[in-house]
Every structure is written in C-alpha cells, then in structure tokens.
Amino acid sequence: MPTTPIVTDDEIRTRSYLLWESEGCQHGKDAEYWLRAKEELEREAAAKVQEASMASMGGESTDFVLPVLPISTPPAKSVSDKLAHDDADLKKVV
C-alpha cells in the first residue's frame, strides 16, 4: 500500500486508553500504548482500504495501479498549418 490511511489523535487516544484499561491500568507505559494503538488503527484502516479496493476491482488483485490521465485537446493549429502560414508570410515579404 503506497500510503498509510490517516488516523486521528482522538482515535489513537481512545484506543490507547482501552489498551491501558485492558492491561490493568499500568502506569508509565503511555508511549507504548499510544504507539500500539496507532499501529493497530493504521493496520485496520489499511485493511479497509484494501478491501474497498478489491471490491471495486471485482475481487481481482493487482500490484500496480495505472494513473488516470486527462485527455488533452489537440492544438488549434497543426505544425504543417503553421509552416504553410510562415511560408506564405515569407513570400509576401520577398
């Protein structure tokens, strides 16, 4: 997965509190609970993105994604039209 889904601080705070409670309210492990909560939430969010991606592709897996390229409008004048116009201008000068 190229990017990690964004997880909010509120989500991390809630999850870390639940982890803290589930492990007997041990003090002094704030950073550990925060990092574990963040990793869990990011993993879960990435799994949801992957599931949505698989569903949108009809269940087919792929290792790459082709970019969507905009279709540009052709130039108003082609190069040959421009050259013909320049030649006509030169003939007028001579």
PDB file of N, CA and C in Angstrom:
ATOM      1  N   MET A   1       0.859  -1.176   0.000  1.00  0.00           N
ATOM      2  CA  MET A   1       0.000   0.000   0.000  1.00  0.00           C
ATOM      3  C   MET A   1       0.895   1.225   0.000  1.00  0.00           C
ATOM      4  N   PRO A   2       0.752   2.129  -0.957  1.00  0.00           N
ATOM      5  CA  PRO A   2       1.644   3.274  -1.044  1.00  0.00           C
ATOM      6  C   PRO A   2       1.497   4.282   0.081  1.00  0.00           C
ATOM      7  N   THR A   3       0.310   4.484   0.550  1.00  0.00           N
ATOM      8  CA  THR A   3       0.126   5.466   1.615  1.00  0.00           C
ATOM      9  C   THR A   3      -0.595   4.833   2.779  1.00  0.00           C
ATOM     10  N   THR A   4      -0.313   5.393   3.947  1.00  0.00           N
ATOM     11  CA  THR A   4      -0.976   4.915   5.149  1.00  0.00           C
ATOM     12  C   THR A   4      -2.198   5.784   5.402  1.00  0.00           C
ATOM     13  N   PRO A   5      -3.357   5.182   5.628  1.00  0.00           N
ATOM     14  CA  PRO A   5      -4.545   5.977   5.917  1.00  0.00           C
ATOM     15  C   PRO A   5      -4.336   6.825   7.171  1.00  0.00           C
ATOM     16  N   ILE A   6      -4.941   7.986   7.193  1.00  0.00           N
ATOM     17  CA  ILE A   6      -4.792   8.907   8.310  1.00  0.00           C
ATOM     18  C   ILE A   6      -5.678   8.458   9.467  1.00  0.00           C
ATOM     19  N   VAL A   7      -5.069   8.395  10.640  1.00  0.00           N
ATOM     20  CA  VAL A   7      -5.770   8.050  11.867  1.00  0.00           C
ATOM     21  C   VAL A   7      -5.687   9.273  12.765  1.00  0.00           C
ATOM     22  N   THR A   8      -6.804   9.685  13.336  1.00  0.00           N
ATOM     23  CA  THR A   8      -6.816  10.901  14.148  1.00  0.00           C
ATOM     24  C   THR A   8      -6.275  10.644  15.557  1.00  0.00           C
ATOM     25  N   ASP A   9      -5.820  11.715  16.187  1.00  0.00           N
ATOM     26  CA  ASP A   9      -5.330  11.617  17.566  1.00  0.00           C
ATOM     27  C   ASP A   9      -6.427  11.148  18.512  1.00  0.00           C
ATOM     28  N   ASP A  10      -7.663  11.573  18.269  1.00  0.00           N
ATOM     29  CA  ASP A  10      -8.776  11.137  19.122  1.00  0.00           C
ATOM     30  C   ASP A  10      -8.968   9.621  19.049  1.00  0.00           C
ATOM     31  N   GLU A  11      -8.853   9.066  17.845  1.00  0.00           N
ATOM     32  CA  GLU A  11      -8.982   7.611  17.695  1.00  0.00           C
ATOM     33  C   GLU A  11      -7.846   6.892  18.428  1.00  0.00           C
ATOM     34  N   ILE A  12      -6.639   7.432  18.286  1.00  0.00           N
ATOM     35  CA  ILE A  12      -5.484   6.828  18.950  1.00  0.00           C
ATOM     36  C   ILE A  12      -5.638   6.930  20.468  1.00  0.00           C
ATOM     37  N   ARG A  13      -6.079   8.088  20.936  1.00  0.00           N
ATOM     38  CA  ARG A  13      -6.256   8.310  22.374  1.00  0.00           C
ATOM     39  C   ARG A  13      -7.255   7.309  22.954  1.00  0.00           C
ATOM     40  N   THR A  14      -8.370   7.135  22.264  1.00  0.00           N
ATOM     41  CA  THR A  14      -9.398   6.205  22.738  1.00  0.00           C
ATOM     42  C   THR A  14      -8.871   4.772  22.758  1.00  0.00           C
ATOM     43  N   ARG A  15      -8.211   4.372  21.662  1.00  0.00           N
ATOM     44  CA  ARG A  15      -7.690   3.002  21.590  1.00  0.00           C
ATOM     45  C   ARG A  15      -6.606   2.775  22.647  1.00  0.00           C
ATOM     46  N   SER A  16      -5.714   3.754  22.837  1.00  0.00           N
ATOM     47  CA  SER A  16      -4.649   3.577  23.828  1.00  0.00           C
ATOM     48  C   SER A  16      -5.229   3.486  25.237  1.00  0.00           C
ATOM     49  N   TYR A  17      -6.291   4.233  25.504  1.00  0.00           N
ATOM     50  CA  TYR A  17      -6.962   4.149  26.805  1.00  0.00           C
ATOM     51  C   TYR A  17      -7.561   2.756  27.014  1.00  0.00           C
ATOM     52  N   LEU A  18      -8.185   2.226  25.973  1.00  0.00           N
ATOM     53  CA  LEU A  18      -8.769   0.885  26.069  1.00  0.00           C
ATOM     54  C   LEU A  18      -7.689  -0.167  26.284  1.00  0.00           C
ATOM     55  N   LEU A  19      -6.551  -0.017  25.613  1.00  0.00           N
ATOM     56  CA  LEU A  19      -5.433  -0.937  25.835  1.00  0.00           C
ATOM     57  C   LEU A  19      -4.934  -0.837  27.275  1.00  0.00           C
ATOM     58  N   TRP A  20      -4.795   0.391  27.754  1.00  0.00           N
ATOM     59  CA  TRP A  20      -4.331   0.639  29.118  1.00  0.00           C
ATOM     60  C   TRP A  20      -5.264  -0.030  30.131  1.00  0.00           C
ATOM     61  N   GLU A  21      -6.567   0.144  29.926  1.00  0.00           N
ATOM     62  CA  GLU A  21      -7.545  -0.471  30.822  1.00  0.00           C
ATOM     63  C   GLU A  21      -7.487  -1.995  30.759  1.00  0.00           C
ATOM     64  N   SER A  22      -7.389  -2.529  29.532  1.00  0.00           N
ATOM     65  CA  SER A  22      -7.406  -3.986  29.367  1.00  0.00           C
ATOM     66  C   SER A  22      -6.183  -4.660  29.981  1.00  0.00           C
ATOM     67  N   GLU A  23      -5.104  -3.906  30.175  1.00  0.00           N
ATOM     68  CA  GLU A  23      -3.887  -4.476  30.753  1.00  0.00           C
ATOM     69  C   GLU A  23      -3.688  -4.069  32.207  1.00  0.00           C
ATOM     70  N   GLY A  24      -4.777  -3.697  32.874  1.00  0.00           N
ATOM     71  CA  GLY A  24      -4.722  -3.447  34.297  1.00  0.00           C
ATOM     72  C   GLY A  24      -4.286  -2.055  34.705  1.00  0.00           C
ATOM     73  N   CYS A  25      -4.432  -1.078  33.844  1.00  0.00           N
ATOM     74  CA  CYS A  25      -4.130   0.329  34.153  1.00  0.00           C
ATOM     75  C   CYS A  25      -2.689   0.526  34.647  1.00  0.00           C
ATOM     76  N   GLN A  26      -1.745  -0.062  33.935  1.00  0.00           N
ATOM     77  CA  GLN A  26      -0.333   0.072  34.300  1.00  0.00           C
ATOM     78  C   GLN A  26       0.168   1.468  33.959  1.00  0.00           C
ATOM     79  N   HIS A  27       0.771   2.130  34.929  1.00  0.00           N
ATOM     80  CA  HIS A  27       1.286   3.483  34.711  1.00  0.00           C
ATOM     81  C   HIS A  27       2.701   3.425  34.151  1.00  0.00           C
ATOM     82  N   GLY A  28       3.095   4.490  33.448  1.00  0.00           N
ATOM     83  CA  GLY A  28       4.447   4.605  32.916  1.00  0.00           C
ATOM     84  C   GLY A  28       4.634   3.997  31.544  1.00  0.00           C
ATOM     85  N   LYS A  29       3.558   3.542  30.917  1.00  0.00           N
ATOM     86  CA  LYS A  29       3.658   2.939  29.587  1.00  0.00           C
ATOM     87  C   LYS A  29       2.836   3.734  28.570  1.00  0.00           C
ATOM     88  N   ASP A  30       2.724   5.014  28.801  1.00  0.00           N
ATOM     89  CA  ASP A  30       1.893   5.857  27.933  1.00  0.00           C
ATOM     90  C   ASP A  30       2.322   5.773  26.474  1.00  0.00           C
ATOM     91  N   ALA A  31       3.623   5.943  26.236  1.00  0.00           N
ATOM     92  CA  ALA A  31       4.134   5.944  24.858  1.00  0.00           C
ATOM     93  C   ALA A  31       3.916   4.589  24.199  1.00  0.00           C
ATOM     94  N   GLU A  32       4.114   3.523  24.960  1.00  0.00           N
ATOM     95  CA  GLU A  32       3.922   2.176  24.412  1.00  0.00           C
ATOM     96  C   GLU A  32       2.475   1.973  23.979  1.00  0.00           C
ATOM     97  N   TYR A  33       1.530   2.351  24.842  1.00  0.00           N
ATOM     98  CA  TYR A  33       0.113   2.204  24.500  1.00  0.00           C
ATOM     99  C   TYR A  33      -0.255   3.070  23.296  1.00  0.00           C
ATOM    100  N   TRP A  34       0.285   4.286  23.251  1.00  0.00           N
ATOM    101  CA  TRP A  34      -0.006   5.201  22.143  1.00  0.00           C
ATOM    102  C   TRP A  34       0.473   4.603  20.826  1.00  0.00           C
ATOM    103  N   LEU A  35       1.721   4.111  20.806  1.00  0.00           N
ATOM    104  CA  LEU A  35       2.275   3.553  19.566  1.00  0.00           C
ATOM    105  C   LEU A  35       1.549   2.281  19.147  1.00  0.00           C
ATOM    106  N   ARG A  36       1.220   1.434  20.105  1.00  0.00           N
ATOM    107  CA  ARG A  36       0.468   0.218  19.779  1.00  0.00           C
ATOM    108  C   ARG A  36      -0.896   0.558  19.209  1.00  0.00           C
ATOM    109  N   ALA A  37      -1.569   1.520  19.841  1.00  0.00           N
ATOM    110  CA  ALA A  37      -2.894   1.930  19.361  1.00  0.00           C
ATOM    111  C   ALA A  37      -2.801   2.486  17.947  1.00  0.00           C
ATOM    112  N   LYS A  38      -1.804   3.328  17.702  1.00  0.00           N
ATOM    113  CA  LYS A  38      -1.634   3.923  16.371  1.00  0.00           C
ATOM    114  C   LYS A  38      -1.376   2.844  15.324  1.00  0.00           C
ATOM    115  N   GLU A  39      -0.481   1.901  15.622  1.00  0.00           N
ATOM    116  CA  GLU A  39      -0.180   0.815  14.686  1.00  0.00           C
ATOM    117  C   GLU A  39      -1.415  -0.036  14.397  1.00  0.00           C
ATOM    118  N   GLU A  40      -2.163  -0.375  15.432  1.00  0.00           N
ATOM    119  CA  GLU A  40      -3.375  -1.181  15.247  1.00  0.00           C
ATOM    120  C   GLU A  40      -4.386  -0.462  14.364  1.00  0.00           C
ATOM    121  N   LEU A  41      -4.626   0.810  14.663  1.00  0.00           N
ATOM    122  CA  LEU A  41      -5.617   1.573  13.900  1.00  0.00           C
ATOM    123  C   LEU A  41      -5.181   1.753  12.452  1.00  0.00           C
ATOM    124  N   GLU A  42      -3.895   2.022  12.215  1.00  0.00           N
ATOM    125  CA  GLU A  42      -3.410   2.177  10.840  1.00  0.00           C
ATOM    126  C   GLU A  42      -3.519   0.867  10.076  1.00  0.00           C
ATOM    127  N   ARG A  43      -3.216  -0.243  10.744  1.00  0.00           N
ATOM    128  CA  ARG A  43      -3.331  -1.557  10.104  1.00  0.00           C
ATOM    129  C   ARG A  43      -4.789  -1.842   9.736  1.00  0.00           C
ATOM    130  N   GLU A  44      -5.713  -1.537  10.660  1.00  0.00           N
ATOM    131  CA  GLU A  44      -7.134  -1.758  10.403  1.00  0.00           C
ATOM    132  C   GLU A  44      -7.639  -0.866   9.268  1.00  0.00           C
ATOM    133  N   ALA A  45      -7.213   0.392   9.265  1.00  0.00           N
ATOM    134  CA  ALA A  45      -7.639   1.320   8.207  1.00  0.00           C
ATOM    135  C   ALA A  45      -7.089   0.883   6.853  1.00  0.00           C
ATOM    136  N   ALA A  46      -5.837   0.424   6.833  1.00  0.00           N
ATOM    137  CA  ALA A  46      -5.240  -0.054   5.578  1.00  0.00           C
ATOM    138  C   ALA A  46      -5.982  -1.282   5.060  1.00  0.00           C
ATOM    139  N   ALA A  47      -6.392  -2.150   5.976  1.00  0.00           N
ATOM    140  CA  ALA A  47      -7.144  -3.342   5.576  1.00  0.00           C
ATOM    141  C   ALA A  47      -8.492  -2.945   4.966  1.00  0.00           C
ATOM    142  N   LYS A  48      -9.137  -1.931   5.548  1.00  0.00           N
ATOM    143  CA  LYS A  48     -10.412  -1.457   4.998  1.00  0.00           C
ATOM    144  C   LYS A  48     -10.227  -0.869   3.606  1.00  0.00           C
ATOM    145  N   VAL A  49      -9.156  -0.112   3.423  1.00  0.00           N
ATOM    146  CA  VAL A  49      -8.868   0.465   2.106  1.00  0.00           C
ATOM    147  C   VAL A  49      -8.610  -0.650   1.103  1.00  0.00           C
ATOM    148  N   GLN A  50      -7.841  -1.656   1.514  1.00  0.00           N
ATOM    149  CA  GLN A  50      -7.547  -2.789   0.639  1.00  0.00           C
ATOM    150  C   GLN A  50      -8.830  -3.532   0.264  1.00  0.00           C
ATOM    151  N   GLU A  51      -9.710  -3.739   1.242  1.00  0.00           N
ATOM    152  CA  GLU A  51     -10.979  -4.422   0.972  1.00  0.00           C
ATOM    153  C   GLU A  51     -11.829  -3.623  -0.014  1.00  0.00           C
ATOM    154  N   ALA A  52     -11.881  -2.314   0.187  1.00  0.00           N
ATOM    155  CA  ALA A  52     -12.657  -1.461  -0.720  1.00  0.00           C
ATOM    156  C   ALA A  52     -12.061  -1.489  -2.119  1.00  0.00           C
ATOM    157  N   SER A  53     -10.753  -1.497  -2.194  1.00  0.00           N
ATOM    158  CA  SER A  53     -10.072  -1.545  -3.479  1.00  0.00           C
ATOM    159  C   SER A  53     -10.366  -2.859  -4.193  1.00  0.00           C
ATOM    160  N   MET A  54     -10.311  -3.955  -3.447  1.00  0.00           N
ATOM    161  CA  MET A  54     -10.595  -5.264  -4.032  1.00  0.00           C
ATOM    162  C   MET A  54     -12.045  -5.340  -4.508  1.00  0.00           C
ATOM    163  N   ALA A  55     -12.949  -4.771  -3.731  1.00  0.00           N
ATOM    164  CA  ALA A  55     -14.368  -4.797  -4.107  1.00  0.00           C
ATOM    165  C   ALA A  55     -14.595  -3.984  -5.371  1.00  0.00           C
ATOM    166  N   SER A  56     -13.902  -2.845  -5.495  1.00  0.00           N
ATOM    167  CA  SER A  56     -14.103  -2.001  -6.673  1.00  0.00           C
ATOM    168  C   SER A  56     -13.504  -2.630  -7.922  1.00  0.00           C
ATOM    169  N   MET A  57     -12.551  -3.565  -7.752  1.00  0.00           N
ATOM    170  CA  MET A  57     -11.933  -4.223  -8.899  1.00  0.00           C
ATOM    171  C   MET A  57     -12.552  -5.592  -9.153  1.00  0.00           C
ATOM    172  N   GLY A  58     -13.658  -5.860  -8.523  1.00  0.00           N
ATOM    173  CA  GLY A  58     -14.335  -7.134  -8.732  1.00  0.00           C
ATOM    174  C   GLY A  58     -13.593  -8.306  -8.110  1.00  0.00           C
ATOM    175  N   GLY A  59     -12.804  -8.043  -7.059  1.00  0.00           N
ATOM    176  CA  GLY A  59     -12.096  -9.104  -6.377  1.00  0.00           C
ATOM    177  C   GLY A  59     -10.751  -9.455  -6.974  1.00  0.00           C
ATOM    178  N   GLU A  60     -10.365  -8.787  -8.062  1.00  0.00           N
ATOM    179  CA  GLU A  60      -9.072  -9.071  -8.678  1.00  0.00           C
ATOM    180  C   GLU A  60      -7.976  -8.300  -7.961  1.00  0.00           C
ATOM    181  N   SER A  61      -6.855  -8.950  -7.765  1.00  0.00           N
ATOM    182  CA  SER A  61      -5.718  -8.314  -7.111  1.00  0.00           C
ATOM    183  C   SER A  61      -4.748  -7.792  -8.164  1.00  0.00           C
ATOM    184  N   THR A  62      -4.081  -6.699  -7.828  1.00  0.00           N
ATOM    185  CA  THR A  62      -3.079  -6.149  -8.732  1.00  0.00           C
ATOM    186  C   THR A  62      -1.942  -5.551  -7.928  1.00  0.00           C
ATOM    187  N   ASP A  63      -0.751  -5.562  -8.490  1.00  0.00           N
ATOM    188  CA  ASP A  63       0.409  -4.998  -7.811  1.00  0.00           C
ATOM    189  C   ASP A  63       0.672  -3.563  -8.243  1.00  0.00           C
ATOM    190  N   PHE A  64      -0.098  -3.060  -9.177  1.00  0.00           N
ATOM    191  CA  PHE A  64       0.115  -1.701  -9.662  1.00  0.00           C
ATOM    192  C   PHE A  64      -1.220  -1.061 -10.010  1.00  0.00           C
ATOM    193  N   VAL A  65      -1.205   0.242 -10.063  1.00  0.00           N
ATOM    194  CA  VAL A  65      -2.404   0.988 -10.432  1.00  0.00           C
ATOM    195  C   VAL A  65      -2.009   1.951 -11.533  1.00  0.00           C
ATOM    196  N   LEU A  66      -2.721   1.916 -12.619  1.00  0.00           N
ATOM    197  CA  LEU A  66      -2.446   2.838 -13.715  1.00  0.00           C
ATOM    198  C   LEU A  66      -3.061   4.192 -13.405  1.00  0.00           C
ATOM    199  N   PRO A  67      -2.332   5.264 -13.674  1.00  0.00           N
ATOM    200  CA  PRO A  67      -2.885   6.589 -13.402  1.00  0.00           C
ATOM    201  C   PRO A  67      -3.970   6.943 -14.404  1.00  0.00           C
ATOM    202  N   VAL A  68      -4.888   7.759 -13.969  1.00  0.00           N
ATOM    203  CA  VAL A  68      -5.924   8.268 -14.856  1.00  0.00           C
ATOM    204  C   VAL A  68      -5.366   9.537 -15.485  1.00  0.00           C
ATOM    205  N   LEU A  69      -5.194   9.501 -16.784  1.00  0.00           N
ATOM    206  CA  LEU A  69      -4.611  10.643 -17.473  1.00  0.00           C
ATOM    207  C   LEU A  69      -5.711  11.451 -18.158  1.00  0.00           C
ATOM    208  N   PRO A  70      -5.666  12.771 -18.017  1.00  0.00           N
ATOM    209  CA  PRO A  70      -6.671  13.590 -18.688  1.00  0.00           C
ATOM    210  C   PRO A  70      -6.428  13.591 -20.193  1.00  0.00           C
ATOM    211  N   ILE A  71      -7.498  13.668 -20.936  1.00  0.00           N
ATOM    212  CA  ILE A  71      -7.387  13.747 -22.387  1.00  0.00           C
ATOM    213  C   ILE A  71      -7.260  15.219 -22.748  1.00  0.00           C
ATOM    214  N   SER A  72      -6.155  15.544 -23.373  1.00  0.00           N
ATOM    215  CA  SER A  72      -5.944  16.948 -23.720  1.00  0.00           C
ATOM    216  C   SER A  72      -6.591  17.255 -25.059  1.00  0.00           C
ATOM    217  N   THR A  73      -6.890  18.510 -25.269  1.00  0.00           N
ATOM    218  CA  THR A  73      -7.461  18.934 -26.547  1.00  0.00           C
ATOM    219  C   THR A  73      -6.316  19.139 -27.525  1.00  0.00           C
ATOM    220  N   PRO A  74      -6.520  18.807 -28.779  1.00  0.00           N
ATOM    221  CA  PRO A  74      -5.448  18.989 -29.752  1.00  0.00           C
ATOM    222  C   PRO A  74      -5.175  20.476 -29.954  1.00  0.00           C
ATOM    223  N   PRO A  75      -3.968  20.817 -30.380  1.00  0.00           N
ATOM    224  CA  PRO A  75      -3.656  22.221 -30.618  1.00  0.00           C
ATOM    225  C   PRO A  75      -4.545  22.798 -31.720  1.00  0.00           C
ATOM    226  N   ALA A  76      -4.778  24.080 -31.639  1.00  0.00           N
ATOM    227  CA  ALA A  76      -5.645  24.732 -32.618  1.00  0.00           C
ATOM    228  C   ALA A  76      -5.065  24.648 -34.022  1.00  0.00           C
ATOM    229  N   LYS A  77      -3.748  24.781 -34.132  1.00  0.00           N
ATOM    230  CA  LYS A  77      -3.095  24.689 -35.442  1.00  0.00           C
ATOM    231  C   LYS A  77      -2.091  23.550 -35.404  1.00  0.00           C
ATOM    232  N   SER A  78      -2.034  22.816 -36.474  1.00  0.00           N
ATOM    233  CA  SER A  78      -1.032  21.769 -36.547  1.00  0.00           C
ATOM    234  C   SER A  78       0.284  22.391 -37.007  1.00  0.00           C
ATOM    235  N   VAL A  79       1.346  21.665 -36.862  1.00  0.00           N
ATOM    236  CA  VAL A  79       2.667  22.165 -37.260  1.00  0.00           C
ATOM    237  C   VAL A  79       2.686  22.453 -38.755  1.00  0.00           C
ATOM    238  N   SER A  80       2.096  21.595 -39.569  1.00  0.00           N
ATOM    239  CA  SER A  80       2.113  21.815 -41.019  1.00  0.00           C
ATOM    240  C   SER A  80       1.344  23.091 -41.378  1.00  0.00           C
ATOM    241  N   ASP A  81       0.229  23.379 -40.697  1.00  0.00           N
ATOM    242  CA  ASP A  81      -0.513  24.619 -40.935  1.00  0.00           C
ATOM    243  C   ASP A  81       0.348  25.824 -40.587  1.00  0.00           C
ATOM    244  N   LYS A  82       1.079  25.731 -39.485  1.00  0.00           N
ATOM    245  CA  LYS A  82       1.939  26.826 -39.055  1.00  0.00           C
ATOM    246  C   LYS A  82       3.042  27.062 -40.075  1.00  0.00           C
ATOM    247  N   LEU A  83       3.679  25.989 -40.574  1.00  0.00           N
ATOM    248  CA  LEU A  83       4.736  26.135 -41.572  1.00  0.00           C
ATOM    249  C   LEU A  83       4.186  26.731 -42.862  1.00  0.00           C
ATOM    250  N   ALA A  84       3.042  26.314 -43.301  1.00  0.00           N
ATOM    251  CA  ALA A  84       2.438  26.851 -44.525  1.00  0.00           C
ATOM    252  C   ALA A  84       2.146  28.336 -44.345  1.00  0.00           C
ATOM    253  N   HIS A  85       1.669  28.714 -43.179  1.00  0.00           N
ATOM    254  CA  HIS A  85       1.387  30.113 -42.890  1.00  0.00           C
ATOM    255  C   HIS A  85       2.675  30.931 -42.890  1.00  0.00           C
ATOM    256  N   ASP A  86       3.749  30.405 -42.285  1.00  0.00           N
ATOM    257  CA  ASP A  86       5.033  31.094 -42.255  1.00  0.00           C
ATOM    258  C   ASP A  86       5.599  31.253 -43.664  1.00  0.00           C
ATOM    259  N   ASP A  87       5.457  30.218 -44.513  1.00  0.00           N
ATOM    260  CA  ASP A  87       5.932  30.305 -45.896  1.00  0.00           C
ATOM    261  C   ASP A  87       5.181  31.384 -46.664  1.00  0.00           C
ATOM    262  N   ALA A  88       3.883  31.482 -46.424  1.00  0.00           N
ATOM    263  CA  ALA A  88       3.082  32.494 -47.111  1.00  0.00           C
ATOM    264  C   ALA A  88       3.537  33.889 -46.705  1.00  0.00           C
ATOM    265  N   ASP A  89       3.855  34.063 -45.426  1.00  0.00           N
ATOM    266  CA  ASP A  89       4.345  35.363 -44.928  1.00  0.00           C
ATOM    267  C   ASP A  89       5.686  35.694 -45.565  1.00  0.00           C
ATOM    268  N   LEU A  90       6.553  34.715 -45.719  1.00  0.00           N
ATOM    269  CA  LEU A  90       7.863  34.958 -46.329  1.00  0.00           C
ATOM    270  C   LEU A  90       7.728  35.369 -47.796  1.00  0.00           C
ATOM    271  N   LYS A  91       6.794  34.738 -48.502  1.00  0.00           N
ATOM    272  CA  LYS A  91       6.595  35.061 -49.923  1.00  0.00           C
ATOM    273  C   LYS A  91       6.071  36.490 -50.089  1.00  0.00           C
ATOM    274  N   LYS A  92       5.283  36.963 -49.134  1.00  0.00           N
ATOM    275  CA  LYS A  92       4.762  38.323 -49.192  1.00  0.00           C
ATOM    276  C   LYS A  92       5.900  39.341 -49.035  1.00  0.00           C
ATOM    277  N   VAL A  93       6.887  38.996 -48.205  1.00  0.00           N
ATOM    278  CA  VAL A  93       7.999  39.896 -47.929  1.00  0.00           C
ATOM    279  C   VAL A  93       8.911  39.993 -49.132  1.00  0.00           C
ATOM    280  N   VAL A  94       9.126  38.918 -49.858  1.00  0.00           N
ATOM    281  CA  VAL A  94      10.056  38.888 -50.993  1.00  0.00           C
ATOM    282  C   VAL A  94       9.495  39.526 -52.189  1.00  0.00           C
TER     283      VAL A  94
END
